[in-house]
N, C-alpha and C. Protein backbone atom coordinates (compact mmCIF):
# COMPACT_ATOMS: atom_id res chain seq x y z
N MET A 1 13.78 26.80 80.32
CA MET A 1 14.83 27.32 79.35
C MET A 1 16.16 26.62 79.84
N LYS A 2 17.20 26.36 78.85
CA LYS A 2 18.08 25.92 78.94
C LYS A 2 19.14 26.95 78.47
N HIS A 3 20.24 26.10 79.16
CA HIS A 3 21.44 27.46 79.17
C HIS A 3 21.79 27.76 77.50
N GLU A 4 22.12 26.48 76.78
CA GLU A 4 22.24 26.71 75.44
C GLU A 4 21.32 27.40 74.58
N ASP A 5 19.90 27.38 75.02
CA ASP A 5 18.75 28.16 74.51
C ASP A 5 18.86 29.52 74.48
N ILE A 6 19.33 30.03 75.92
CA ILE A 6 19.78 31.35 76.34
C ILE A 6 20.86 31.69 75.08
N TRP A 7 21.51 31.25 74.99
CA TRP A 7 22.69 31.84 74.32
C TRP A 7 22.49 31.53 72.79
N ARG A 8 21.93 30.61 72.34
CA ARG A 8 21.43 30.87 70.81
C ARG A 8 20.48 31.81 70.87
N ALA A 9 19.93 32.38 71.47
CA ALA A 9 18.65 33.46 71.34
C ALA A 9 19.35 34.37 71.06
N LEU A 10 20.72 35.02 72.19
CA LEU A 10 21.69 35.71 72.12
C LEU A 10 22.19 36.02 70.65
N ASP A 11 22.49 34.94 70.03
CA ASP A 11 23.37 34.75 68.75
C ASP A 11 22.23 35.26 67.81
N THR A 12 21.12 34.48 67.89
CA THR A 12 19.97 34.93 66.61
C THR A 12 19.71 36.27 66.81
N LEU A 13 19.29 36.73 67.56
CA LEU A 13 19.08 38.11 67.89
C LEU A 13 20.19 39.15 67.26
N ALA A 14 21.57 38.89 67.69
CA ALA A 14 22.71 39.63 67.09
C ALA A 14 22.89 39.39 65.35
N ALA A 15 22.50 38.18 64.90
CA ALA A 15 22.59 37.94 63.83
C ALA A 15 21.20 38.61 62.64
N GLU A 16 20.24 39.01 63.46
CA GLU A 16 19.10 39.51 62.96
C GLU A 16 19.49 41.01 63.19
N GLN A 17 20.38 41.77 63.58
CA GLN A 17 20.39 42.75 63.86
C GLN A 17 21.91 43.28 63.00
N GLY A 18 22.11 41.77 62.15
CA GLY A 18 23.63 42.25 61.54
C GLY A 18 24.81 42.58 62.31
N LEU A 19 25.01 42.12 63.50
CA LEU A 19 25.78 42.24 64.45
C LEU A 19 26.43 40.91 64.72
N SER A 20 27.60 40.99 65.46
CA SER A 20 28.54 39.75 66.15
C SER A 20 28.04 39.63 67.62
N PRO A 21 28.06 38.90 68.27
CA PRO A 21 27.97 38.68 69.72
C PRO A 21 28.79 39.96 70.44
N SER A 22 29.64 40.16 70.11
CA SER A 22 30.61 41.28 70.64
C SER A 22 29.62 42.67 70.27
N GLY A 23 29.63 42.70 68.98
CA GLY A 23 28.84 43.67 68.48
C GLY A 23 27.48 44.23 69.38
N LEU A 24 26.67 43.06 69.52
CA LEU A 24 25.60 43.36 70.31
C LEU A 24 25.81 43.84 71.59
N ALA A 25 26.98 43.14 72.39
CA ALA A 25 26.97 43.59 73.55
C ALA A 25 27.62 45.25 73.51
N ARG A 26 28.29 45.40 72.53
CA ARG A 26 29.01 47.02 72.51
C ARG A 26 27.75 47.99 72.36
N ARG A 27 26.59 47.24 71.44
CA ARG A 27 25.62 48.25 70.97
C ARG A 27 24.53 48.45 72.51
N ALA A 28 24.65 47.55 73.05
CA ALA A 28 24.13 47.60 74.54
C ALA A 28 24.89 48.13 75.57
N GLY A 29 26.04 48.59 75.37
CA GLY A 29 26.80 49.19 76.29
C GLY A 29 27.47 48.40 77.39
N LEU A 30 27.69 47.18 76.96
CA LEU A 30 28.52 46.27 77.75
C LEU A 30 29.92 45.91 77.54
N ASP A 31 30.53 45.27 78.42
CA ASP A 31 31.93 44.96 77.83
C ASP A 31 31.91 44.13 76.42
N PRO A 32 32.88 44.29 75.23
CA PRO A 32 32.80 43.68 74.25
C PRO A 32 32.59 42.11 74.26
N THR A 33 33.23 41.58 75.38
CA THR A 33 33.62 40.19 75.76
C THR A 33 32.42 39.39 76.39
N THR A 34 31.18 40.30 76.62
CA THR A 34 30.35 39.90 77.57
C THR A 34 30.01 38.43 77.12
N PHE A 35 29.56 38.40 75.70
CA PHE A 35 28.93 37.51 75.13
C PHE A 35 29.59 36.69 73.91
N ASN A 36 30.96 36.74 74.31
CA ASN A 36 31.75 35.72 73.65
C ASN A 36 31.48 34.24 74.12
N GLN A 37 31.91 33.39 73.56
CA GLN A 37 32.21 31.82 73.51
C GLN A 37 33.05 31.43 75.03
N SER A 38 33.82 32.10 74.90
CA SER A 38 34.53 31.86 76.49
C SER A 38 34.10 32.41 77.77
N LYS A 39 32.98 33.07 77.58
CA LYS A 39 32.32 33.62 78.76
C LYS A 39 30.82 32.68 79.27
N ARG A 40 30.89 31.84 78.27
CA ARG A 40 29.48 31.05 78.76
C ARG A 40 29.55 29.67 79.60
N ARG A 41 30.79 29.33 79.80
CA ARG A 41 31.23 28.70 80.65
C ARG A 41 32.54 29.26 81.71
N MET A 42 32.26 28.46 83.16
CA MET A 42 33.35 28.83 83.94
C MET A 42 34.68 28.08 83.40
N PRO A 43 36.02 28.51 84.54
CA PRO A 43 36.92 27.56 84.20
C PRO A 43 36.66 26.58 84.61
N ASP A 44 35.74 25.94 85.52
CA ASP A 44 35.87 24.44 86.08
C ASP A 44 34.62 23.93 84.97
N GLY A 45 34.01 24.66 84.02
CA GLY A 45 32.89 23.96 83.24
C GLY A 45 31.86 23.92 83.19
N ARG A 46 31.27 24.54 84.61
CA ARG A 46 30.24 25.08 84.80
C ARG A 46 29.52 26.02 83.94
N ALA A 47 28.23 25.90 83.75
CA ALA A 47 27.36 27.13 82.78
C ALA A 47 27.58 28.17 83.42
N ARG A 48 27.57 29.22 82.35
CA ARG A 48 27.59 30.85 82.94
C ARG A 48 26.40 31.32 82.02
N TRP A 49 25.38 32.15 83.12
CA TRP A 49 24.58 32.67 82.08
C TRP A 49 24.34 34.24 82.07
N PRO A 50 23.90 34.41 81.25
CA PRO A 50 23.83 36.12 81.05
C PRO A 50 22.84 36.55 82.30
N SER A 51 23.07 37.85 82.62
CA SER A 51 22.57 38.51 83.79
C SER A 51 21.12 39.06 83.10
N THR A 52 20.32 39.14 84.24
CA THR A 52 18.83 39.95 83.87
C THR A 52 19.30 41.33 83.12
N GLU A 53 20.61 41.94 84.21
CA GLU A 53 20.74 42.97 83.24
C GLU A 53 20.95 43.54 82.22
N SER A 54 22.14 42.59 81.51
CA SER A 54 22.73 42.50 80.36
C SER A 54 21.61 41.86 79.70
N LEU A 55 20.91 41.08 79.62
CA LEU A 55 19.40 40.93 78.64
C LEU A 55 18.68 42.12 78.72
N ALA A 56 18.23 42.76 79.88
CA ALA A 56 17.45 44.12 79.57
C ALA A 56 18.16 45.42 78.77
N LYS A 57 19.44 45.31 78.90
CA LYS A 57 20.06 46.18 78.20
C LYS A 57 20.26 45.97 76.47
N VAL A 58 20.25 44.68 76.37
CA VAL A 58 20.14 44.23 74.96
C VAL A 58 18.90 44.32 74.46
N LEU A 59 17.81 43.90 74.97
CA LEU A 59 16.45 44.12 74.55
C LEU A 59 16.15 45.98 74.13
N GLN A 60 16.92 46.49 75.38
CA GLN A 60 16.42 47.74 75.11
C GLN A 60 17.29 48.58 73.71
N ALA A 61 18.59 48.00 73.71
CA ALA A 61 19.34 48.60 72.44
C ALA A 61 18.88 48.24 71.47
N THR A 62 18.00 47.03 70.84
CA THR A 62 17.43 46.37 69.64
C THR A 62 16.32 46.66 69.60
N GLY A 63 15.49 47.41 70.51
CA GLY A 63 14.33 47.51 70.24
C GLY A 63 13.01 46.10 70.32
N ALA A 64 13.64 44.94 70.82
CA ALA A 64 13.31 43.76 70.71
C ALA A 64 12.09 43.62 72.23
N GLY A 65 11.25 42.91 72.18
CA GLY A 65 10.53 42.89 73.49
C GLY A 65 10.71 41.59 74.28
N LEU A 66 10.60 41.55 75.30
CA LEU A 66 10.90 40.20 76.26
C LEU A 66 10.17 38.79 75.71
N GLU A 67 8.62 39.12 74.93
CA GLU A 67 8.15 38.09 74.66
C GLU A 67 8.65 37.83 73.24
N GLU A 68 9.09 38.63 72.25
CA GLU A 68 9.99 38.44 70.98
C GLU A 68 11.34 37.46 71.57
N PHE A 69 12.02 37.90 72.50
CA PHE A 69 13.08 37.14 72.80
C PHE A 69 13.00 35.67 73.35
N THR A 70 11.81 35.57 74.13
CA THR A 70 11.01 34.18 74.82
C THR A 70 10.84 33.65 73.50
N ALA A 71 10.29 34.00 72.25
CA ALA A 71 10.23 33.54 71.30
C ALA A 71 11.43 32.43 70.49
N LEU A 72 12.40 33.37 70.44
CA LEU A 72 13.73 33.12 70.14
C LEU A 72 13.99 31.97 70.81
N VAL A 73 14.28 32.15 72.44
CA VAL A 73 14.55 31.19 72.99
C VAL A 73 13.74 29.78 72.92
N THR A 74 12.35 29.96 72.92
CA THR A 74 11.55 28.41 72.88
C THR A 74 11.89 28.05 70.86
N GLY A 75 11.80 28.61 70.37
CA GLY A 75 12.13 28.63 69.12
C GLY A 75 13.45 27.90 68.56
N ALA A 76 14.41 28.32 69.08
CA ALA A 76 15.66 28.02 69.25
C ALA A 76 16.04 26.32 69.72
N ARG A 77 15.07 26.07 70.80
CA ARG A 77 14.91 25.03 71.56
C ARG A 77 14.08 23.77 70.20
N ALA A 78 13.18 24.61 69.36
CA ALA A 78 12.83 23.21 68.66
C ALA A 78 13.27 23.27 67.50
N LEU A 79 14.30 24.15 66.96
CA LEU A 79 15.40 23.85 65.92
C LEU A 79 16.63 22.69 66.47
N ALA A 80 16.78 23.26 67.94
CA ALA A 80 17.55 22.06 68.28
C ALA A 80 17.32 20.64 68.05
N ALA A 81 15.82 20.32 68.58
CA ALA A 81 15.27 19.09 68.10
C ALA A 81 15.13 18.41 67.00
N SER A 82 15.21 19.55 66.18
CA SER A 82 15.26 18.78 64.73
C SER A 82 16.18 18.85 63.64
N ARG A 83 17.34 19.43 64.24
CA ARG A 83 18.53 20.09 63.44
C ARG A 83 19.77 20.37 63.72
N PRO A 84 20.74 19.88 63.25
CA PRO A 84 22.24 20.21 64.26
C PRO A 84 22.30 21.52 64.62
N LEU A 85 22.93 21.89 65.79
CA LEU A 85 22.91 23.53 66.04
C LEU A 85 23.75 24.17 65.48
N THR A 86 24.47 23.57 64.37
CA THR A 86 25.63 24.22 63.71
C THR A 86 25.68 23.55 61.75
N ARG A 87 26.15 24.17 61.47
CA ARG A 87 26.08 23.75 59.57
C ARG A 87 27.60 24.23 59.24
N ARG A 88 28.19 23.67 58.35
CA ARG A 88 29.03 24.31 57.86
C ARG A 88 29.08 24.77 56.65
N VAL A 89 30.20 25.90 56.46
CA VAL A 89 30.24 26.39 55.05
C VAL A 89 31.20 26.81 55.07
N PRO A 90 31.41 27.28 53.62
CA PRO A 90 32.89 27.49 52.57
C PRO A 90 33.22 28.43 53.32
N LEU A 91 34.85 28.80 53.66
CA LEU A 91 35.83 29.76 54.14
C LEU A 91 36.87 29.78 53.07
N ILE A 92 36.67 31.41 52.89
CA ILE A 92 38.07 31.64 52.00
C ILE A 92 38.21 33.02 52.70
N GLY A 93 39.65 33.29 52.48
CA GLY A 93 40.40 34.56 52.74
C GLY A 93 39.97 35.73 51.54
N PHE A 94 39.94 36.79 52.11
CA PHE A 94 39.75 38.26 50.93
C PHE A 94 40.49 38.54 50.12
N ALA A 95 41.89 37.90 50.33
CA ALA A 95 42.89 38.12 49.22
C ALA A 95 42.37 36.67 47.92
N GLN A 96 41.82 36.18 48.63
CA GLN A 96 41.61 34.71 47.56
C GLN A 96 40.41 35.42 46.70
N ALA A 97 39.49 36.08 47.73
CA ALA A 97 38.03 36.17 46.88
C ALA A 97 37.95 36.82 45.87
N GLY A 98 39.07 37.67 45.70
CA GLY A 98 39.43 38.55 44.37
C GLY A 98 39.78 37.58 43.03
N GLY A 99 40.04 36.39 43.07
CA GLY A 99 40.88 35.65 42.07
C GLY A 99 39.61 35.20 41.40
N GLU A 100 39.86 33.91 40.69
CA GLU A 100 39.01 33.01 39.55
C GLU A 100 38.67 32.07 40.08
N GLY A 101 37.42 31.36 39.84
CA GLY A 101 37.28 29.91 40.26
C GLY A 101 36.36 29.87 41.83
N PHE A 102 36.30 30.72 42.52
CA PHE A 102 35.51 30.50 43.90
C PHE A 102 34.39 30.95 43.87
N PHE A 103 33.88 31.61 43.02
CA PHE A 103 32.11 32.22 42.69
C PHE A 103 31.86 32.17 41.52
N ASP A 104 30.53 31.74 41.12
CA ASP A 104 29.82 31.97 39.87
C ASP A 104 29.49 33.08 39.61
N ASP A 105 28.98 33.07 38.21
CA ASP A 105 28.31 34.48 37.65
C ASP A 105 27.20 35.12 38.84
N GLY A 106 26.53 34.23 39.52
CA GLY A 106 25.83 35.08 40.43
C GLY A 106 26.63 35.25 41.50
N GLY A 107 27.37 35.21 41.89
CA GLY A 107 28.15 35.26 43.01
C GLY A 107 28.16 34.36 44.29
N TYR A 108 27.72 33.17 43.66
CA TYR A 108 27.76 32.10 44.70
C TYR A 108 28.85 31.28 44.55
N PRO A 109 28.98 30.67 46.07
CA PRO A 109 30.53 30.03 46.54
C PRO A 109 30.62 28.48 45.61
N VAL A 110 31.67 28.20 44.38
CA VAL A 110 31.38 27.31 43.69
C VAL A 110 33.36 26.92 44.17
N GLY A 111 33.55 25.54 43.49
CA GLY A 111 34.71 25.25 43.48
C GLY A 111 35.16 24.22 44.21
N GLY A 112 36.53 23.89 44.54
CA GLY A 112 36.81 22.96 45.45
C GLY A 112 37.98 23.48 46.46
N GLY A 113 38.51 24.85 45.99
CA GLY A 113 39.25 25.30 46.88
C GLY A 113 39.10 25.98 47.98
N TRP A 114 37.86 25.67 48.49
CA TRP A 114 37.39 26.27 49.86
C TRP A 114 37.93 25.67 51.06
N ASP A 115 37.93 25.82 52.31
CA ASP A 115 38.14 25.42 53.62
C ASP A 115 36.87 25.42 54.12
N GLU A 116 36.53 25.03 55.31
CA GLU A 116 35.06 25.23 55.97
C GLU A 116 35.01 25.51 57.04
N VAL A 117 33.88 26.32 57.93
CA VAL A 117 33.92 26.67 59.07
C VAL A 117 32.28 26.33 59.54
N SER A 118 32.37 26.22 61.14
CA SER A 118 30.88 25.82 61.44
C SER A 118 30.58 27.18 61.72
N LEU A 119 29.31 27.21 61.74
CA LEU A 119 28.28 28.56 62.30
C LEU A 119 27.55 28.28 63.10
N PRO A 120 26.50 29.33 63.59
CA PRO A 120 24.94 29.13 64.07
C PRO A 120 24.39 29.01 62.68
N GLU A 121 22.99 28.60 62.98
CA GLU A 121 22.61 28.40 61.68
C GLU A 121 21.89 29.49 61.03
N VAL A 122 22.16 29.51 59.79
CA VAL A 122 21.76 30.72 59.16
C VAL A 122 20.56 30.19 57.89
N ALA A 123 19.89 30.76 57.38
CA ALA A 123 18.84 29.95 56.56
C ALA A 123 19.17 29.95 55.07
N ASP A 124 20.01 30.85 54.21
CA ASP A 124 20.20 30.95 53.18
C ASP A 124 21.63 29.54 52.97
N PRO A 125 21.15 29.09 52.16
CA PRO A 125 21.93 27.84 51.91
C PRO A 125 23.29 28.06 51.16
N HIS A 126 23.45 29.20 50.59
CA HIS A 126 24.54 29.59 49.74
C HIS A 126 25.67 30.52 50.50
N ALA A 127 25.05 30.71 51.95
CA ALA A 127 26.07 31.42 52.83
C ALA A 127 27.44 30.90 52.87
N TYR A 128 27.98 31.99 52.98
CA TYR A 128 29.41 31.52 53.14
C TYR A 128 30.72 32.68 54.07
N ALA A 129 31.40 32.18 54.22
CA ALA A 129 32.40 33.04 55.19
C ALA A 129 33.61 33.60 54.58
N LEU A 130 33.84 34.66 54.85
CA LEU A 130 35.26 35.13 54.51
C LEU A 130 36.28 35.67 55.66
N GLU A 131 37.36 35.23 55.64
CA GLU A 131 38.17 36.08 56.85
C GLU A 131 38.95 37.07 56.56
N ILE A 132 38.67 38.30 57.71
CA ILE A 132 39.24 39.21 57.16
C ILE A 132 40.79 39.40 57.46
N SER A 133 41.33 40.39 56.36
CA SER A 133 43.04 40.33 56.77
C SER A 133 43.09 42.33 56.43
N GLY A 134 44.17 42.08 57.31
CA GLY A 134 44.62 43.97 57.11
C GLY A 134 43.42 44.69 58.22
N ASP A 135 43.61 46.19 57.79
CA ASP A 135 43.29 47.05 59.09
C ASP A 135 42.02 47.73 58.49
N SER A 136 41.70 47.32 56.87
CA SER A 136 40.83 48.19 56.30
C SER A 136 39.08 48.66 56.88
N MET A 137 39.01 47.43 57.75
CA MET A 137 37.67 47.57 58.05
C MET A 137 37.46 47.67 59.37
N GLU A 138 38.75 47.94 60.32
CA GLU A 138 38.44 48.35 61.40
C GLU A 138 37.49 49.71 61.65
N PRO A 139 37.25 49.78 62.96
CA PRO A 139 37.27 49.12 64.00
C PRO A 139 36.04 47.84 64.40
N VAL A 140 35.38 47.87 63.05
CA VAL A 140 34.38 47.11 63.24
C VAL A 140 34.70 45.65 62.74
N PHE A 141 35.68 44.80 62.05
CA PHE A 141 36.20 43.96 61.74
C PHE A 141 37.82 43.90 61.78
N ARG A 142 38.20 43.34 62.53
CA ARG A 142 39.54 42.98 62.50
C ARG A 142 40.38 41.99 61.93
N ASP A 143 41.68 42.21 61.87
CA ASP A 143 42.29 41.10 61.20
C ASP A 143 41.95 39.81 61.83
N GLY A 144 41.56 38.47 60.82
CA GLY A 144 41.63 37.50 61.43
C GLY A 144 40.06 37.03 61.80
N ASP A 145 39.41 38.09 61.90
CA ASP A 145 37.94 37.89 62.13
C ASP A 145 37.38 37.22 60.98
N ILE A 146 36.13 36.30 61.14
CA ILE A 146 35.11 35.64 59.91
C ILE A 146 33.87 36.37 60.33
N VAL A 147 33.29 36.72 59.00
CA VAL A 147 32.18 36.97 58.70
C VAL A 147 31.20 36.28 57.81
N ILE A 148 29.96 36.26 58.26
CA ILE A 148 29.46 35.46 57.29
C ILE A 148 28.32 35.70 56.45
N VAL A 149 28.36 35.61 55.39
CA VAL A 149 27.66 36.53 54.01
C VAL A 149 26.75 35.25 53.35
N SER A 150 25.72 36.33 53.41
CA SER A 150 24.56 35.63 52.49
C SER A 150 24.18 36.26 51.15
N PRO A 151 24.54 35.63 49.93
CA PRO A 151 24.11 36.03 48.67
C PRO A 151 22.65 36.58 48.63
N ASN A 152 21.52 35.72 49.41
CA ASN A 152 20.21 35.78 49.23
C ASN A 152 19.48 36.86 50.26
N ALA A 153 20.40 37.28 51.23
CA ALA A 153 19.53 38.47 52.08
C ALA A 153 19.24 39.67 51.12
N PRO A 154 17.98 40.19 52.03
CA PRO A 154 17.95 41.51 51.14
C PRO A 154 18.76 42.32 51.92
N VAL A 155 19.15 43.22 50.99
CA VAL A 155 20.45 44.61 51.10
C VAL A 155 19.55 45.72 51.53
N ARG A 156 19.81 46.57 52.64
CA ARG A 156 19.22 47.82 52.66
C ARG A 156 20.15 48.56 53.33
N ARG A 157 19.85 49.85 53.05
CA ARG A 157 21.06 51.24 53.13
C ARG A 157 21.15 50.87 54.92
N GLY A 158 22.63 51.24 55.01
CA GLY A 158 23.10 50.88 56.34
C GLY A 158 23.50 49.53 56.40
N ASP A 159 23.40 48.66 55.94
CA ASP A 159 23.95 47.41 56.06
C ASP A 159 25.26 47.24 55.82
N ARG A 160 25.93 46.45 56.65
CA ARG A 160 27.49 46.01 56.23
C ARG A 160 27.42 44.90 55.37
N VAL A 161 28.29 45.16 54.14
CA VAL A 161 28.13 44.42 53.07
C VAL A 161 29.53 44.02 52.34
N VAL A 162 29.64 42.81 51.61
CA VAL A 162 30.57 42.42 50.74
C VAL A 162 30.54 42.83 49.62
N VAL A 163 31.58 43.59 48.79
CA VAL A 163 31.00 43.88 47.20
C VAL A 163 32.27 43.42 46.50
N ARG A 164 32.07 42.77 45.31
CA ARG A 164 33.40 42.65 44.34
C ARG A 164 32.85 43.07 43.03
N THR A 165 34.17 43.87 42.75
CA THR A 165 33.93 44.77 41.57
C THR A 165 34.41 43.80 40.15
N LEU A 166 34.22 44.29 39.18
CA LEU A 166 34.32 43.82 37.69
C LEU A 166 35.79 43.44 37.33
N ARG A 167 36.59 44.54 38.48
CA ARG A 167 38.01 44.50 38.21
C ARG A 167 38.59 43.28 39.20
N GLY A 168 38.06 42.59 39.91
CA GLY A 168 38.49 41.65 40.73
C GLY A 168 38.60 42.26 42.04
N GLU A 169 37.97 43.14 42.83
CA GLU A 169 38.41 43.99 43.89
C GLU A 169 37.23 43.31 44.78
N VAL A 170 37.62 43.23 46.05
CA VAL A 170 36.73 42.47 47.12
C VAL A 170 36.87 43.27 48.03
N MET A 171 35.76 43.90 48.90
CA MET A 171 35.89 44.88 49.96
C MET A 171 34.54 44.55 50.80
N ALA A 172 34.76 45.24 52.36
CA ALA A 172 33.74 45.10 53.31
C ALA A 172 33.29 46.56 53.51
N LYS A 173 32.16 46.96 53.09
CA LYS A 173 31.70 48.41 53.35
C LYS A 173 30.39 48.59 53.87
N GLN A 174 29.91 49.52 54.08
CA GLN A 174 28.54 49.78 54.47
C GLN A 174 27.91 50.64 53.41
N LEU A 175 26.67 50.03 53.00
CA LEU A 175 25.68 50.76 51.84
C LEU A 175 25.30 51.79 52.23
N ALA A 176 25.79 52.99 51.53
CA ALA A 176 25.39 54.57 51.91
C ALA A 176 24.49 54.38 51.10
N ARG A 177 24.22 54.22 49.95
CA ARG A 177 23.06 54.50 49.14
C ARG A 177 23.15 53.81 47.44
N ARG A 178 21.81 53.24 47.01
CA ARG A 178 21.93 52.33 46.15
C ARG A 178 20.95 53.00 45.31
N SER A 179 21.07 53.20 44.01
CA SER A 179 20.34 54.06 42.93
C SER A 179 20.11 52.95 41.99
N ALA A 180 19.18 53.39 40.74
CA ALA A 180 19.04 52.41 39.99
C ALA A 180 20.33 52.66 38.97
N ARG A 181 21.29 53.42 39.00
CA ARG A 181 22.64 53.57 38.11
C ARG A 181 23.61 53.40 39.17
N ARG A 182 23.55 53.93 40.66
CA ARG A 182 24.93 53.86 41.19
C ARG A 182 25.02 53.32 42.59
N VAL A 183 26.09 52.50 43.30
CA VAL A 183 25.63 52.38 44.25
C VAL A 183 27.02 53.07 45.28
N GLU A 184 26.91 53.59 46.28
CA GLU A 184 27.69 54.46 46.92
C GLU A 184 28.29 53.38 48.41
N LEU A 185 29.41 53.39 48.79
CA LEU A 185 30.00 52.58 49.84
C LEU A 185 30.60 53.25 50.61
N LYS A 186 30.56 53.45 52.07
CA LYS A 186 31.02 53.67 53.16
C LYS A 186 32.23 53.09 53.66
N SER A 187 33.17 53.68 54.04
CA SER A 187 34.60 52.57 54.43
C SER A 187 33.79 52.53 55.97
N LEU A 188 34.30 51.55 56.65
CA LEU A 188 34.27 50.78 57.96
C LEU A 188 35.23 51.80 58.58
N ASN A 189 36.60 51.83 58.37
CA ASN A 189 37.85 52.58 58.93
C ASN A 189 37.70 53.99 58.06
N PRO A 190 37.28 54.85 58.91
CA PRO A 190 37.74 56.28 58.80
C PRO A 190 38.71 56.60 58.02
N ALA A 191 39.93 55.97 58.04
CA ALA A 191 41.07 56.26 57.35
C ALA A 191 41.56 56.03 56.29
N HIS A 192 40.21 55.14 55.72
CA HIS A 192 40.06 54.64 54.25
C HIS A 192 38.87 55.58 53.69
N ALA A 193 38.96 55.62 52.10
CA ALA A 193 38.38 56.22 51.50
C ALA A 193 36.92 55.92 51.57
N ASP A 194 35.98 56.38 50.95
CA ASP A 194 34.45 56.00 50.78
C ASP A 194 34.32 55.41 48.78
N TYR A 195 33.75 54.77 48.74
CA TYR A 195 33.80 54.25 47.10
C TYR A 195 32.39 54.86 46.78
N SER A 196 32.62 54.91 45.19
CA SER A 196 31.15 55.04 44.63
C SER A 196 30.97 54.65 43.20
N PHE A 197 30.68 53.60 42.54
CA PHE A 197 30.67 52.65 41.83
C PHE A 197 29.26 52.67 40.67
N GLU A 198 29.33 52.84 39.49
CA GLU A 198 28.41 52.46 38.63
C GLU A 198 27.98 51.09 38.71
N LEU A 199 26.49 50.66 38.84
CA LEU A 199 25.93 49.66 38.67
C LEU A 199 26.73 48.86 38.10
N ALA A 200 27.11 48.79 36.77
CA ALA A 200 27.44 47.77 35.85
C ALA A 200 28.72 47.35 36.48
N GLU A 201 29.47 48.10 37.37
CA GLU A 201 30.89 48.02 37.36
C GLU A 201 30.90 46.92 39.05
N ILE A 202 29.87 46.54 39.48
CA ILE A 202 29.71 45.58 40.47
C ILE A 202 29.27 44.45 40.05
N THR A 203 30.40 43.19 40.24
CA THR A 203 30.12 41.91 40.33
C THR A 203 29.11 41.19 41.17
N TRP A 204 28.83 41.89 42.33
CA TRP A 204 27.79 41.00 43.26
C TRP A 204 28.12 42.07 44.47
N LEU A 205 27.09 41.94 45.20
CA LEU A 205 26.53 42.88 46.53
C LEU A 205 26.30 41.93 47.71
N HIS A 206 26.66 41.28 48.51
CA HIS A 206 26.15 40.34 49.48
C HIS A 206 25.96 41.41 51.04
N ARG A 207 25.30 40.79 51.54
CA ARG A 207 25.08 41.20 53.48
C ARG A 207 25.76 40.66 54.22
N ILE A 208 26.37 40.85 55.14
CA ILE A 208 26.94 40.44 56.20
C ILE A 208 25.88 40.38 57.37
N LEU A 209 25.84 39.05 57.45
CA LEU A 209 24.65 38.56 58.77
C LEU A 209 25.57 38.43 60.24
N TRP A 210 26.73 37.99 60.10
CA TRP A 210 27.33 37.73 61.60
C TRP A 210 28.67 37.88 61.31
N ALA A 211 29.38 38.05 62.53
CA ALA A 211 30.98 37.84 62.62
C ALA A 211 31.20 37.39 63.86
N SER A 212 32.36 36.53 63.82
CA SER A 212 32.98 35.84 64.94
C SER A 212 34.18 36.52 65.28
N GLN A 213 34.12 37.52 66.84
CA GLN A 213 34.91 38.39 67.12
C GLN A 213 35.08 38.00 68.81
């Protein structure tokens, strides 16, 4: 096992749970900064490894087994041998996302006005990044956080999603319920109202896979 393989496996496990590395640490009852990029190296550059205690708490919190985690480690090594460790995806701010020219009718990123950001490998070739602004997504997502969004990932009740309405509103919410006619969204910040839309009022609804916090 290599140092980078262990950390990549933790990042992958977090993404599969719809969490950022800091979100995974919080779920495991650890300090939110435990798995931050800055904690993966000593000040002198030497590798810092996650403790067996923190790994055990992560496995318990996510329901993953040791064999499953080991498969992520070895799978990450195979991936690293065949493909770059990161890819670049388009990045845009939430305020811009409500404008025209950045998404096609299917909700896929288009146009030339995007910036770019590197991220851990995500299977969806249409994945893109949004930069959070304001406090409406706190405490889950804070101002300046980058969320990675997948148009093609399956969306289930309880998932965190980005939604765009026909009126051009773009918001990050939790999917509370989706029926054949309506979509009910729960606000991440309890100080903000929940929303309910007719399905015809929604332009697209995409799942948040990962966040850099």
